[in-house]
Amino acid sequence: EENGLSIGSLGLKSDLSSSLSISVVTEIDFRLKLEFRHFLDSEIEIRRSVN
């Protein structure tokens, strides 16, 4: 009984953490892309002003 219960709650925790980590990774990926795009834009601006 005790063993089955702990395994069940463990499975629930891993499901929760995996869906949570997926959303966190998506958030980080989104922010990185935003930052990178902003960086590229500023690089292009710098090169335009230099030329």
C-alpha atoms as a PDB file:
ATOM      1  CA  GLU A   1       0.000   0.000   0.000  1.00  0.00           C
ATOM      2  CA  GLU A   2       2.559   2.540   1.167  1.00  0.00           C
ATOM      3  CA  ASN A   3       4.901   1.745  -1.711  1.00  0.00           C
ATOM      4  CA  GLY A   4       2.200   2.037  -4.379  1.00  0.00           C
ATOM      5  CA  LEU A   5       1.131   5.411  -3.015  1.00  0.00           C
ATOM      6  CA  SER A   6       4.610   6.905  -3.110  1.00  0.00           C
ATOM      7  CA  ILE A   7       5.170   5.653  -6.678  1.00  0.00           C
ATOM      8  CA  GLY A   8       1.871   7.204  -7.750  1.00  0.00           C
ATOM      9  CA  SER A   9       2.669  10.598  -6.245  1.00  0.00           C
ATOM     10  CA  LEU A  10       6.167  10.418  -7.707  1.00  0.00           C
ATOM     11  CA  GLY A  11       4.701   9.876 -11.178  1.00  0.00           C
ATOM     12  CA  LEU A  12       2.444  12.880 -10.702  1.00  0.00           C
ATOM     13  CA  LYS A  13       5.371  15.017  -9.605  1.00  0.00           C
ATOM     14  CA  SER A  14       7.463  14.055 -12.615  1.00  0.00           C
ATOM     15  CA  ASP A  15       4.546  14.808 -14.967  1.00  0.00           C
ATOM     16  CA  LEU A  16       4.124  18.201 -13.331  1.00  0.00           C
ATOM     17  CA  SER A  17       7.826  19.027 -13.409  1.00  0.00           C
ATOM     18  CA  SER A  18       8.223  17.940 -17.032  1.00  0.00           C
ATOM     19  CA  SER A  19       5.314  20.111 -18.207  1.00  0.00           C
ATOM     20  CA  LEU A  20       6.655  22.949 -16.055  1.00  0.00           C
ATOM     21  CA  SER A  21      10.166  22.621 -17.476  1.00  0.00           C
ATOM     22  CA  ILE A  22       8.762  22.566 -21.024  1.00  0.00           C
ATOM     23  CA  SER A  23       6.985  25.884 -20.427  1.00  0.00           C
ATOM     24  CA  VAL A  24      10.109  27.336 -18.803  1.00  0.00           C
ATOM     25  CA  VAL A  25      12.257  26.228 -21.747  1.00  0.00           C
ATOM     26  CA  THR A  26       9.734  27.735 -24.165  1.00  0.00           C
ATOM     27  CA  GLU A  27       9.798  30.997 -22.216  1.00  0.00           C
ATOM     28  CA  ILE A  28      13.611  31.069 -22.201  1.00  0.00           C
ATOM     29  CA  ASP A  29      13.728  30.221 -25.913  1.00  0.00           C
ATOM     30  CA  PHE A  30      11.270  33.012 -26.677  1.00  0.00           C
ATOM     31  CA  ARG A  31      13.259  35.547 -24.653  1.00  0.00           C
ATOM     32  CA  LEU A  32      16.546  34.462 -26.225  1.00  0.00           C
ATOM     33  CA  LYS A  33      15.092  34.901 -29.707  1.00  0.00           C
ATOM     34  CA  LEU A  34      13.791  38.334 -28.741  1.00  0.00           C
ATOM     35  CA  GLU A  35      17.174  39.335 -27.317  1.00  0.00           C
ATOM     36  CA  PHE A  36      18.981  37.990 -30.369  1.00  0.00           C
ATOM     37  CA  ARG A  37      16.685  39.853 -32.755  1.00  0.00           C
ATOM     38  CA  HIS A  38      17.213  43.046 -30.758  1.00  0.00           C
ATOM     39  CA  PHE A  39      20.964  42.462 -30.862  1.00  0.00           C
ATOM     40  CA  LEU A  40      20.890  41.937 -34.640  1.00  0.00           C
ATOM     41  CA  ASP A  41      18.859  45.099 -35.124  1.00  0.00           C
ATOM     42  CA  SER A  42      21.355  47.153 -33.131  1.00  0.00           C
ATOM     43  CA  GLU A  43      24.268  45.571 -35.010  1.00  0.00           C
ATOM     44  CA  ILE A  44      22.655  46.541 -38.319  1.00  0.00           C
ATOM     45  CA  GLU A  45      22.096  50.098 -37.040  1.00  0.00           C
ATOM     46  CA  ILE A  46      25.750  50.380 -35.959  1.00  0.00           C
ATOM     47  CA  ARG A  47      26.996  49.170 -39.345  1.00  0.00           C
ATOM     48  CA  ARG A  48      24.694  51.587 -41.158  1.00  0.00           C
ATOM     49  CA  SER A  49      25.976  54.520 -39.132  1.00  0.00           C
ATOM     50  CA  VAL A  50      29.608  53.461 -39.685  1.00  0.00           C
ATOM     51  CA  ASN A  51      29.232  53.193 -43.473  1.00  0.00           C
END
